[in-house]
Protein backbone atom coordinates (compact mmCIF):
# COMPACT_ATOMS: atom_id res chain seq x y z
CA MET A 1 28.67 -11.57 18.40
CA THR A 2 28.35 -13.79 21.48
CA PRO A 3 28.95 -12.55 25.05
CA ASP A 4 32.23 -14.50 25.16
CA ASP A 5 33.33 -12.85 21.92
CA MET A 6 32.56 -9.42 23.36
CA ARG A 7 34.48 -10.14 26.54
CA ARG A 8 37.51 -11.31 24.59
CA ARG A 9 37.24 -8.20 22.42
CA VAL A 10 37.37 -5.94 25.48
CA GLU A 11 40.20 -7.94 27.06
CA ARG A 12 42.24 -7.82 23.86
CA CYS A 13 41.82 -4.07 23.48
CA ALA A 14 42.50 -3.26 27.14
CA ASP A 15 45.63 -5.40 27.09
CA ALA A 16 46.88 -3.87 23.83
CA VAL A 17 46.78 -0.31 25.19
CA SER A 18 47.67 -1.10 28.83
CA VAL A 19 51.32 0.01 28.74
CA GLU A 20 50.49 3.34 27.11
CA LEU A 21 47.59 3.88 29.53
CA TYR A 22 49.76 3.39 32.59
CA ASP A 23 52.65 5.44 31.22
CA GLY A 24 50.34 8.33 30.36
CA VAL A 25 48.64 8.36 33.74
CA THR A 26 51.85 8.19 35.78
CA THR A 27 53.47 10.88 33.62
CA GLY A 28 50.40 13.09 33.92
CA VAL A 29 50.22 12.86 37.71
CA ALA A 30 53.97 13.45 38.11
CA SER A 31 53.88 16.46 35.75
CA ALA A 32 50.89 17.99 37.54
CA LEU A 33 52.51 17.62 40.95
CA ALA A 34 55.75 19.14 39.66
CA MET A 35 53.93 22.12 38.15
CA LEU A 36 51.93 22.80 41.30
CA ARG A 37 55.04 22.91 43.45
CA GLY A 38 55.52 26.42 42.05
CA LEU A 39 52.20 27.53 43.51
CA PRO A 40 52.88 28.74 47.08
CA ASN A 41 49.45 27.76 48.40
CA SER A 42 48.74 24.81 46.12
CA GLY A 43 46.94 23.01 48.93
CA ASP A 44 44.17 25.60 48.69
CA TYR A 45 43.36 24.46 45.14
CA PRO A 46 42.99 20.66 45.34
CA HIS A 47 40.94 20.55 42.13
CA LEU A 48 43.98 21.72 40.13
CA LEU A 49 45.79 18.44 40.75
CA SER A 50 43.26 16.29 38.94
CA LEU A 51 42.49 18.78 36.18
CA ASN A 52 46.14 19.40 35.38
CA ALA A 53 46.98 15.71 35.58
CA ARG A 54 44.28 14.96 33.02
CA ALA A 55 45.65 17.64 30.68
CA PHE A 56 49.19 16.26 30.95
CA MET A 57 47.89 12.72 30.31
CA ARG A 58 46.15 13.86 27.16
CA GLU A 59 49.24 15.72 25.93
CA HIS A 60 51.40 12.67 26.64
CA TRP A 61 49.25 10.44 24.46
CA LEU A 62 49.05 13.07 21.72
CA GLY A 63 52.82 13.49 21.74
CA HIS A 64 53.95 9.89 22.23
CA GLY A 65 51.24 8.13 20.29
CA LEU A 66 49.11 5.07 20.95
CA PRO A 67 49.05 1.55 19.50
CA ALA A 68 47.71 1.04 15.99
CA GLU A 69 44.00 1.78 15.56
CA TRP A 70 43.86 3.88 18.77
CA SER A 71 43.46 7.66 18.88
CA VAL A 72 42.84 10.45 21.40
CA ALA A 73 39.34 11.95 21.34
CA GLY A 74 37.06 14.10 23.50
CA ASN A 75 36.81 17.88 23.81
CA PRO A 76 39.56 19.20 26.12
CA ARG A 77 37.65 22.49 26.50
CA LEU A 78 35.06 20.56 28.52
CA MET A 79 37.01 20.20 31.76
CA GLY A 80 39.81 18.40 29.89
CA GLN A 81 37.49 15.68 28.58
CA THR A 82 39.71 12.88 27.27
CA MET A 83 38.82 9.61 25.59
CA LEU A 84 40.80 6.92 23.83
CA VAL A 85 38.94 5.32 20.94
CA ASN A 86 39.45 2.32 18.70
CA THR A 87 37.10 2.70 15.73
CA HIS A 88 38.08 -0.69 14.29
CA GLU A 89 36.94 -2.51 17.44
CA ASN A 90 34.22 0.08 18.18
CA ILE A 91 35.50 0.68 21.72
CA GLU A 92 35.66 3.99 23.61
CA MET A 93 37.54 4.59 26.87
CA ARG A 94 36.68 7.71 28.90
CA LEU A 95 39.33 8.93 31.37
CA LEU A 96 38.08 9.79 34.87
CA LYS A 97 39.39 10.01 38.42
CA GLU A 98 38.61 7.07 40.71
CA ARG A 99 36.60 8.41 43.66
CA ARG A 100 36.74 5.77 46.39
CA ARG A 101 35.95 8.16 49.24
CA THR A 102 33.09 9.92 47.47
CA TYR A 103 31.30 7.13 45.61
CA PRO A 104 30.74 3.58 46.93
CA GLY A 105 32.85 1.30 44.76
CA GLY A 106 34.89 4.25 43.47
CA VAL A 107 33.12 4.64 40.11
CA PRO A 108 31.74 8.17 39.51
CA VAL A 109 28.04 8.39 38.71
CA ALA A 110 27.01 9.90 35.38
CA GLY A 111 25.43 12.92 37.06
CA ALA A 112 22.80 15.18 35.49
CA SER A 113 24.22 15.18 31.95
CA THR A 114 21.90 13.37 29.54
CA ALA A 115 24.86 12.50 27.29
CA ARG A 116 26.80 10.95 30.17
CA GLN A 117 23.75 9.06 31.41
CA GLY A 118 23.39 7.55 27.95
CA ALA A 119 27.06 6.60 27.88
CA TRP A 120 26.89 4.93 31.31
CA ARG A 121 23.67 3.00 30.47
CA GLN A 122 24.64 -0.03 28.36
CA PRO A 123 23.54 -3.63 27.79
CA ALA A 124 25.48 -6.19 29.80
CA LEU A 125 28.37 -7.95 28.09
CA GLY A 126 26.98 -11.29 29.24
CA LEU A 127 29.44 -11.64 32.13
CA THR A 128 27.08 -11.52 35.09
CA LEU A 129 23.67 -10.49 33.74
CA PRO A 130 23.00 -12.87 30.83
CA ALA A 131 19.26 -12.06 30.82
CA GLN A 132 19.98 -8.61 29.39
CA PRO A 133 20.31 -8.28 25.60
CA VAL A 134 23.73 -8.49 23.95
CA SER A 135 24.51 -5.58 21.62
CA ASP A 136 27.10 -5.00 18.91
CA ASP A 137 26.98 -1.23 19.53
CA CYS A 138 29.99 0.78 20.67
CA ILE A 139 31.35 -0.54 23.96
CA ARG A 140 31.96 2.42 26.28
CA LEU A 141 34.43 1.89 29.10
CA LEU A 142 35.65 4.11 31.92
CA VAL A 143 39.38 4.32 32.61
CA LEU A 144 39.63 5.15 36.32
CA TRP A 145 42.91 6.34 37.80
CA ASP A 146 43.89 7.15 41.36
CA ALA A 147 46.92 8.42 43.24
CA ALA A 148 47.34 7.49 46.89
CA GLN A 149 49.77 6.94 49.71
CA ILE A 150 49.62 3.16 50.01
CA HIS A 151 51.29 1.86 53.17
CA GLY A 152 53.43 5.00 53.26
CA GLU A 153 54.46 4.94 49.60
CA PHE A 154 53.11 6.95 46.68
CA GLY A 155 51.32 4.80 44.14
CA ILE A 156 49.10 4.94 41.06
CA THR A 157 46.17 2.61 40.48
CA LEU A 158 44.40 2.20 37.16
CA ARG A 159 41.46 0.09 36.04
CA VAL A 160 38.98 -0.23 33.18
CA VAL A 161 35.28 -0.78 33.94
CA HIS A 162 32.08 -1.34 31.95
CA THR A 163 29.01 0.34 33.45
CA LEU A 164 25.40 -0.80 33.12
CA GLU A 165 23.53 2.18 34.58
CA PRO A 166 24.22 5.90 35.28
CA GLY A 167 24.19 5.24 39.01
CA TRP A 168 22.95 7.51 41.76
CA PHE A 169 24.65 9.21 44.69
CA GLY A 170 25.10 6.97 47.70
CA SER A 171 25.00 3.68 45.76
CA LYS A 172 27.51 1.75 43.68
CA VAL A 173 27.40 2.17 39.92
CA PRO A 174 26.40 -1.25 38.49
CA LEU A 175 29.26 -2.95 36.62
CA ASP A 176 29.72 -6.23 34.83
CA LEU A 177 33.42 -5.85 34.06
CA SER A 178 36.44 -4.45 35.89
CA TYR A 179 40.07 -4.92 34.82
CA GLU A 180 43.06 -3.65 36.77
CA ILE A 181 45.86 -2.29 34.58
CA LYS A 182 49.21 -3.56 35.82
CA PRO A 183 52.19 -1.16 36.10
CA THR A 184 54.18 -3.35 33.71
CA GLY A 185 51.30 -3.70 31.26
CA GLY A 186 48.62 -6.33 30.97
CA ILE A 187 45.32 -6.68 32.81
CA PHE A 188 43.95 -8.46 35.86
CA ASP A 189 40.26 -9.43 35.95
CA MET A 190 38.45 -8.08 38.99
CA LEU A 191 34.88 -7.22 39.88
CA ARG A 192 35.72 -5.63 43.23
CA PHE A 193 38.33 -2.89 43.64
CA ARG A 194 41.08 -4.21 45.88
CA GLY A 195 42.25 -0.81 47.16
CA ASP A 196 42.69 -0.53 50.93
CA ALA A 197 39.98 1.70 52.39
CA GLN A 198 42.66 3.21 54.60
CA ASP A 199 44.81 4.38 51.71
CA GLU A 200 45.20 8.14 51.71
CA ASP A 201 43.58 9.57 48.58
CA LEU A 202 45.76 12.49 47.49
CA PHE A 203 42.83 13.97 45.56
CA ALA A 204 40.11 13.40 48.15
CA GLU A 205 38.96 17.03 48.35
CA ILE A 206 38.11 17.50 44.68
CA GLU A 207 34.51 18.57 44.17
CA ARG A 208 32.36 16.01 42.41
CA GLU A 209 31.68 18.44 39.54
CA GLU A 210 35.21 17.79 38.26
CA ASN A 211 34.11 14.31 37.20
CA GLU A 212 30.77 15.57 35.93
CA GLY A 213 32.03 18.51 33.89
CA ASP A 214 32.15 17.10 30.37
CA GLU A 215 29.25 19.35 29.39
CA ILE A 216 30.75 22.51 30.94
CA ALA A 217 32.97 24.58 28.66
CA GLU A 218 35.83 26.42 30.35
């Protein structure tokens, strides 16, 4: 499979599941916020927002279904670990919170987990680093969501990225692909996140372990 074939494969799959991705994320965030309104001091537990949102997202996709050939995977007992997989196309999407204020570029590093480091470290798809080998192995993508006050209005952002290395704290995780998921479905090719640095991240106080907890059973 050529690099162009692999890129088209990723684009086709991301586009096919884009509507369900956005619907699940927006429903999950709204459901989590509604649930936490019943907690008198919810502001003292900022980590609950992201964790509960992820659980509601997973339940939404389990209950409402996904396009043909897609299924929900991951172990929810590991900090709500959620993945969407397409075994026919050999593509895996791991759901994580975008962390623009914690990590340069917004993409969480893999952390200390050997399994996550292996998932983050992949051959380039031939988009920007053609010298690296092209592989027909499973393509592992990160689905990064965020909730922010953008110019005074609440908004959800969502993108799909392909990592090349696990990354390290203080530096950007190397990418060779980044697609923004549009609210109405479809994708927009981007290699630099367009989010305003002044946007107010509603989940800014979450500890970094929340995005590194796939190996930690609750």
